[in-house]
């Protein structure tokens, strides 16, 4: 038989790029035989693996006539970036929209903002007009691999009250 391996990612999408990020999984499906034996000792057509380092998987397929053929697929495991380093900001109220400074990502990386520590929806860096604290969470992505940091960094903007200054007019009196 001819053995071909089709790789799918955790969402079931066919990727066949032979790469995942640390923590990701790949499903390898062999075809062309009536029985299969993987180098992992599994005897099924499809296996799902979550390797932590680059790993090769070999399957041997046997057809109804007893003929055998093998195929090997190497899954490259890419590292995750560290969560971005950020400094939160404290600014005095000025009546205008204020925001934290832009995060400067490591070369080859980009920053994404979210409204919660895990899950959540895309957001923007913390910004606000009124006195209070505004939070967002930042993650880093390696642009070349698409691998995203496994944790997010809390970044906040605190807008504080502006002090009131009262100056007395020297020519005025109050009784």
C-alpha atoms as a PDB file:
ATOM      1  CA  UNK A   1       0.000   0.000   0.000  1.00  0.00           C
ATOM      2  CA  UNK A   2       0.928   3.643  -0.340  1.00  0.00           C
ATOM      3  CA  UNK A   3       1.012   5.350   3.032  1.00  0.00           C
ATOM      4  CA  UNK A   4       0.227   9.038   3.270  1.00  0.00           C
ATOM      5  CA  UNK A   5      -0.022  11.045   6.457  1.00  0.00           C
ATOM      6  CA  UNK A   6      -2.429  13.948   6.811  1.00  0.00           C
ATOM      7  CA  UNK A   7      -1.744  16.303   9.719  1.00  0.00           C
ATOM      8  CA  UNK A   8      -4.507  18.272  11.423  1.00  0.00           C
ATOM      9  CA  UNK A   9      -4.298  20.779  14.258  1.00  0.00           C
ATOM     10  CA  UNK A  10      -6.280  20.767  17.510  1.00  0.00           C
ATOM     11  CA  UNK A  11      -9.270  22.431  15.787  1.00  0.00           C
ATOM     12  CA  UNK A  12      -9.379  19.700  13.129  1.00  0.00           C
ATOM     13  CA  UNK A  13      -8.051  21.949  10.340  1.00  0.00           C
ATOM     14  CA  UNK A  14      -5.672  20.261   7.904  1.00  0.00           C
ATOM     15  CA  UNK A  15      -2.334  22.026   8.266  1.00  0.00           C
ATOM     16  CA  UNK A  16       0.371  19.735   6.837  1.00  0.00           C
ATOM     17  CA  UNK A  17       3.057  22.249   7.753  1.00  0.00           C
ATOM     18  CA  UNK A  18       4.569  19.824  10.254  1.00  0.00           C
ATOM     19  CA  UNK A  19       4.861  22.474  12.968  1.00  0.00           C
ATOM     20  CA  UNK A  20       3.064  23.154  16.220  1.00  0.00           C
ATOM     21  CA  UNK A  21       3.733  25.394  19.188  1.00  0.00           C
ATOM     22  CA  UNK A  22       4.624  23.986  22.612  1.00  0.00           C
ATOM     23  CA  UNK A  23       1.342  22.740  24.117  1.00  0.00           C
ATOM     24  CA  UNK A  24      -0.249  22.211  20.705  1.00  0.00           C
ATOM     25  CA  UNK A  25      -1.263  18.890  19.242  1.00  0.00           C
ATOM     26  CA  UNK A  26      -1.243  17.267  15.831  1.00  0.00           C
ATOM     27  CA  UNK A  27      -3.365  14.412  14.543  1.00  0.00           C
ATOM     28  CA  UNK A  28      -1.593  12.129  12.101  1.00  0.00           C
ATOM     29  CA  UNK A  29      -3.792   9.951   9.903  1.00  0.00           C
ATOM     30  CA  UNK A  30      -2.419   7.124   7.771  1.00  0.00           C
ATOM     31  CA  UNK A  31      -4.273   5.651   4.826  1.00  0.00           C
ATOM     32  CA  UNK A  32      -3.748   2.988   2.191  1.00  0.00           C
ATOM     33  CA  UNK A  33      -3.573  -0.070   4.425  1.00  0.00           C
ATOM     34  CA  UNK A  34      -5.920  -2.371   6.297  1.00  0.00           C
ATOM     35  CA  UNK A  35      -3.851  -2.343   9.488  1.00  0.00           C
ATOM     36  CA  UNK A  36      -1.320   0.075  10.945  1.00  0.00           C
ATOM     37  CA  UNK A  37       1.501   0.054  13.480  1.00  0.00           C
ATOM     38  CA  UNK A  38       3.026   3.329  14.670  1.00  0.00           C
ATOM     39  CA  UNK A  39       6.444   3.653  16.302  1.00  0.00           C
ATOM     40  CA  UNK A  40       4.444   4.629  19.404  1.00  0.00           C
ATOM     41  CA  UNK A  41       3.024   1.044  19.476  1.00  0.00           C
ATOM     42  CA  UNK A  42      -0.453   2.249  18.539  1.00  0.00           C
ATOM     43  CA  UNK A  43      -2.357   0.139  16.001  1.00  0.00           C
ATOM     44  CA  UNK A  44      -4.926   2.619  14.680  1.00  0.00           C
ATOM     45  CA  UNK A  45      -5.047   4.750  11.528  1.00  0.00           C
ATOM     46  CA  UNK A  46      -5.060   8.093  13.399  1.00  0.00           C
ATOM     47  CA  UNK A  47      -3.050   9.240  16.392  1.00  0.00           C
ATOM     48  CA  UNK A  48      -3.109  12.596  18.158  1.00  0.00           C
ATOM     49  CA  UNK A  49       0.117  13.687  19.797  1.00  0.00           C
ATOM     50  CA  UNK A  50       1.264  16.667  21.862  1.00  0.00           C
ATOM     51  CA  UNK A  51       5.046  16.430  21.697  1.00  0.00           C
ATOM     52  CA  UNK A  52       7.154  18.836  23.764  1.00  0.00           C
ATOM     53  CA  UNK A  53      10.139  18.629  21.416  1.00  0.00           C
ATOM     54  CA  UNK A  54      10.498  17.953  17.710  1.00  0.00           C
ATOM     55  CA  UNK A  55       9.518  14.307  17.203  1.00  0.00           C
ATOM     56  CA  UNK A  56       9.287  11.900  14.262  1.00  0.00           C
ATOM     57  CA  UNK A  57       6.400   9.452  13.925  1.00  0.00           C
ATOM     58  CA  UNK A  58       6.594   6.412  11.650  1.00  0.00           C
ATOM     59  CA  UNK A  59       3.674   4.239  10.637  1.00  0.00           C
ATOM     60  CA  UNK A  60       3.823   0.901   8.858  1.00  0.00           C
ATOM     61  CA  UNK A  61       0.711  -0.064   6.943  1.00  0.00           C
ATOM     62  CA  UNK A  62      -0.165  -3.550   5.824  1.00  0.00           C
ATOM     63  CA  UNK A  63      -2.707  -4.270   3.079  1.00  0.00           C
ATOM     64  CA  UNK A  64      -5.025  -7.280   2.687  1.00  0.00           C
ATOM     65  CA  UNK A  65      -2.292  -9.156   0.758  1.00  0.00           C
ATOM     66  CA  UNK A  66       0.226  -8.738   3.596  1.00  0.00           C
ATOM     67  CA  UNK A  67       2.322  -6.162   1.736  1.00  0.00           C
ATOM     68  CA  UNK A  68       3.845  -3.476   3.957  1.00  0.00           C
ATOM     69  CA  UNK A  69       4.936   0.121   3.451  1.00  0.00           C
ATOM     70  CA  UNK A  70       6.065   2.823   5.863  1.00  0.00           C
ATOM     71  CA  UNK A  71       5.880   6.601   6.088  1.00  0.00           C
ATOM     72  CA  UNK A  72       7.482   9.025   8.535  1.00  0.00           C
ATOM     73  CA  UNK A  73       6.312  12.465   9.580  1.00  0.00           C
ATOM     74  CA  UNK A  74       8.392  14.822  11.733  1.00  0.00           C
ATOM     75  CA  UNK A  75       6.496  17.325  13.857  1.00  0.00           C
ATOM     76  CA  UNK A  76       8.572  20.409  14.667  1.00  0.00           C
ATOM     77  CA  UNK A  77       7.714  21.969  18.016  1.00  0.00           C
ATOM     78  CA  UNK A  78       8.269  25.732  18.211  1.00  0.00           C
ATOM     79  CA  UNK A  79       8.932  27.550  21.487  1.00  0.00           C
ATOM     80  CA  UNK A  80       6.516  30.030  23.027  1.00  0.00           C
ATOM     81  CA  UNK A  81       7.546  33.622  23.644  1.00  0.00           C
ATOM     82  CA  UNK A  82       7.620  35.026  27.142  1.00  0.00           C
ATOM     83  CA  UNK A  83       4.761  37.256  28.188  1.00  0.00           C
ATOM     84  CA  UNK A  84       5.608  40.885  27.461  1.00  0.00           C
ATOM     85  CA  UNK A  85       7.231  43.036  30.119  1.00  0.00           C
ATOM     86  CA  UNK A  86       5.184  46.116  30.838  1.00  0.00           C
ATOM     87  CA  UNK A  87       5.078  49.069  33.159  1.00  0.00           C
ATOM     88  CA  UNK A  88       1.714  50.305  34.256  1.00  0.00           C
ATOM     89  CA  UNK A  89       1.046  54.030  34.154  1.00  0.00           C
ATOM     90  CA  UNK A  90      -0.364  56.548  36.605  1.00  0.00           C
ATOM     91  CA  UNK A  91      -1.486  59.858  35.109  1.00  0.00           C
ATOM     92  CA  UNK A  92      -3.323  62.894  36.473  1.00  0.00           C
ATOM     93  CA  UNK A  93      -6.808  63.694  35.160  1.00  0.00           C
ATOM     94  CA  UNK A  94      -6.703  66.195  32.278  1.00  0.00           C
ATOM     95  CA  UNK A  95     -10.139  65.754  30.678  1.00  0.00           C
ATOM     96  CA  UNK A  96      -8.665  64.032  27.604  1.00  0.00           C
ATOM     97  CA  UNK A  97      -8.418  60.386  26.559  1.00  0.00           C
ATOM     98  CA  UNK A  98      -5.238  59.008  28.117  1.00  0.00           C
ATOM     99  CA  UNK A  99      -3.459  55.713  27.533  1.00  0.00           C
ATOM    100  CA  UNK A 100      -0.450  53.690  28.601  1.00  0.00           C
ATOM    101  CA  UNK A 101       2.712  53.768  26.533  1.00  0.00           C
ATOM    102  CA  UNK A 102       3.015  51.287  23.670  1.00  0.00           C
ATOM    103  CA  UNK A 103       4.719  48.047  24.600  1.00  0.00           C
ATOM    104  CA  UNK A 104       7.890  47.463  22.634  1.00  0.00           C
ATOM    105  CA  UNK A 105       7.899  43.797  21.597  1.00  0.00           C
ATOM    106  CA  UNK A 106      11.041  41.739  21.203  1.00  0.00           C
ATOM    107  CA  UNK A 107      12.291  41.789  17.614  1.00  0.00           C
ATOM    108  CA  UNK A 108      10.166  39.464  15.469  1.00  0.00           C
ATOM    109  CA  UNK A 109       7.233  39.562  17.878  1.00  0.00           C
ATOM    110  CA  UNK A 110       3.969  41.453  18.118  1.00  0.00           C
ATOM    111  CA  UNK A 111       1.695  42.348  21.026  1.00  0.00           C
ATOM    112  CA  UNK A 112      -2.003  41.492  21.353  1.00  0.00           C
ATOM    113  CA  UNK A 113      -4.372  42.947  23.934  1.00  0.00           C
ATOM    114  CA  UNK A 114      -7.230  41.161  25.723  1.00  0.00           C
ATOM    115  CA  UNK A 115      -9.908  42.075  28.239  1.00  0.00           C
ATOM    116  CA  UNK A 116      -9.175  39.151  30.591  1.00  0.00           C
ATOM    117  CA  UNK A 117      -6.300  37.053  31.911  1.00  0.00           C
ATOM    118  CA  UNK A 118      -7.447  33.967  29.980  1.00  0.00           C
ATOM    119  CA  UNK A 119      -9.870  33.658  27.096  1.00  0.00           C
ATOM    120  CA  UNK A 120     -11.725  36.899  26.598  1.00  0.00           C
ATOM    121  CA  UNK A 121     -11.891  39.036  23.514  1.00  0.00           C
ATOM    122  CA  UNK A 122      -9.392  41.258  21.782  1.00  0.00           C
ATOM    123  CA  UNK A 123      -9.062  44.626  23.401  1.00  0.00           C
ATOM    124  CA  UNK A 124      -6.770  47.622  23.268  1.00  0.00           C
ATOM    125  CA  UNK A 125      -4.097  48.858  25.611  1.00  0.00           C
ATOM    126  CA  UNK A 126      -5.552  50.500  28.741  1.00  0.00           C
ATOM    127  CA  UNK A 127      -7.118  53.886  28.092  1.00  0.00           C
ATOM    128  CA  UNK A 128      -9.624  56.150  29.793  1.00  0.00           C
ATOM    129  CA  UNK A 129     -10.813  59.694  30.391  1.00  0.00           C
ATOM    130  CA  UNK A 130     -12.252  59.706  33.906  1.00  0.00           C
ATOM    131  CA  UNK A 131     -10.552  59.114  37.243  1.00  0.00           C
ATOM    132  CA  UNK A 132     -10.181  55.373  37.835  1.00  0.00           C
ATOM    133  CA  UNK A 133      -8.147  52.312  36.910  1.00  0.00           C
ATOM    134  CA  UNK A 134      -8.307  50.741  33.444  1.00  0.00           C
ATOM    135  CA  UNK A 135      -6.906  47.230  32.819  1.00  0.00           C
ATOM    136  CA  UNK A 136      -5.898  45.190  29.808  1.00  0.00           C
ATOM    137  CA  UNK A 137      -3.828  42.036  29.400  1.00  0.00           C
ATOM    138  CA  UNK A 138      -0.995  41.736  26.881  1.00  0.00           C
ATOM    139  CA  UNK A 139       0.374  38.627  25.201  1.00  0.00           C
ATOM    140  CA  UNK A 140       3.281  38.229  22.794  1.00  0.00           C
ATOM    141  CA  UNK A 141       3.239  36.374  19.470  1.00  0.00           C
ATOM    142  CA  UNK A 142       6.276  35.210  17.520  1.00  0.00           C
ATOM    143  CA  UNK A 143       5.452  36.510  14.056  1.00  0.00           C
ATOM    144  CA  UNK A 144       7.274  33.766  12.103  1.00  0.00           C
ATOM    145  CA  UNK A 145       5.624  30.824  13.902  1.00  0.00           C
ATOM    146  CA  UNK A 146       2.391  32.273  15.277  1.00  0.00           C
ATOM    147  CA  UNK A 147       3.218  30.878  18.722  1.00  0.00           C
ATOM    148  CA  UNK A 148       1.572  32.905  21.510  1.00  0.00           C
ATOM    149  CA  UNK A 149       2.865  33.355  25.062  1.00  0.00           C
ATOM    150  CA  UNK A 150       1.226  30.970  27.513  1.00  0.00           C
ATOM    151  CA  UNK A 151       0.523  33.783  29.971  1.00  0.00           C
ATOM    152  CA  UNK A 152      -0.584  37.393  29.742  1.00  0.00           C
ATOM    153  CA  UNK A 153       0.731  40.465  31.504  1.00  0.00           C
ATOM    154  CA  UNK A 154      -1.662  42.730  33.405  1.00  0.00           C
ATOM    155  CA  UNK A 155      -1.168  46.359  32.400  1.00  0.00           C
ATOM    156  CA  UNK A 156      -3.147  49.123  34.045  1.00  0.00           C
ATOM    157  CA  UNK A 157      -3.670  52.829  33.635  1.00  0.00           C
ATOM    158  CA  UNK A 158      -4.552  54.736  36.777  1.00  0.00           C
ATOM    159  CA  UNK A 159      -6.013  58.212  36.284  1.00  0.00           C
ATOM    160  CA  UNK A 160      -5.790  60.170  39.522  1.00  0.00           C
ATOM    161  CA  UNK A 161      -7.656  63.267  40.672  1.00  0.00           C
ATOM    162  CA  UNK A 162      -6.117  66.568  39.749  1.00  0.00           C
ATOM    163  CA  UNK A 163      -5.411  68.673  42.838  1.00  0.00           C
ATOM    164  CA  UNK A 164      -7.353  71.898  43.132  1.00  0.00           C
ATOM    165  CA  UNK A 165      -5.345  75.058  43.578  1.00  0.00           C
ATOM    166  CA  UNK A 166      -7.135  78.041  45.092  1.00  0.00           C
ATOM    167  CA  UNK A 167      -5.436  81.411  44.866  1.00  0.00           C
ATOM    168  CA  UNK A 168      -6.838  84.303  46.843  1.00  0.00           C
ATOM    169  CA  UNK A 169      -7.091  87.698  45.133  1.00  0.00           C
ATOM    170  CA  UNK A 170      -5.129  90.096  47.365  1.00  0.00           C
ATOM    171  CA  UNK A 171      -7.531  92.959  46.591  1.00  0.00           C
ATOM    172  CA  UNK A 172     -10.672  91.128  47.732  1.00  0.00           C
ATOM    173  CA  UNK A 173     -12.078  90.705  51.213  1.00  0.00           C
ATOM    174  CA  UNK A 174     -14.755  88.487  52.629  1.00  0.00           C
ATOM    175  CA  UNK A 175     -16.815  89.313  55.657  1.00  0.00           C
END
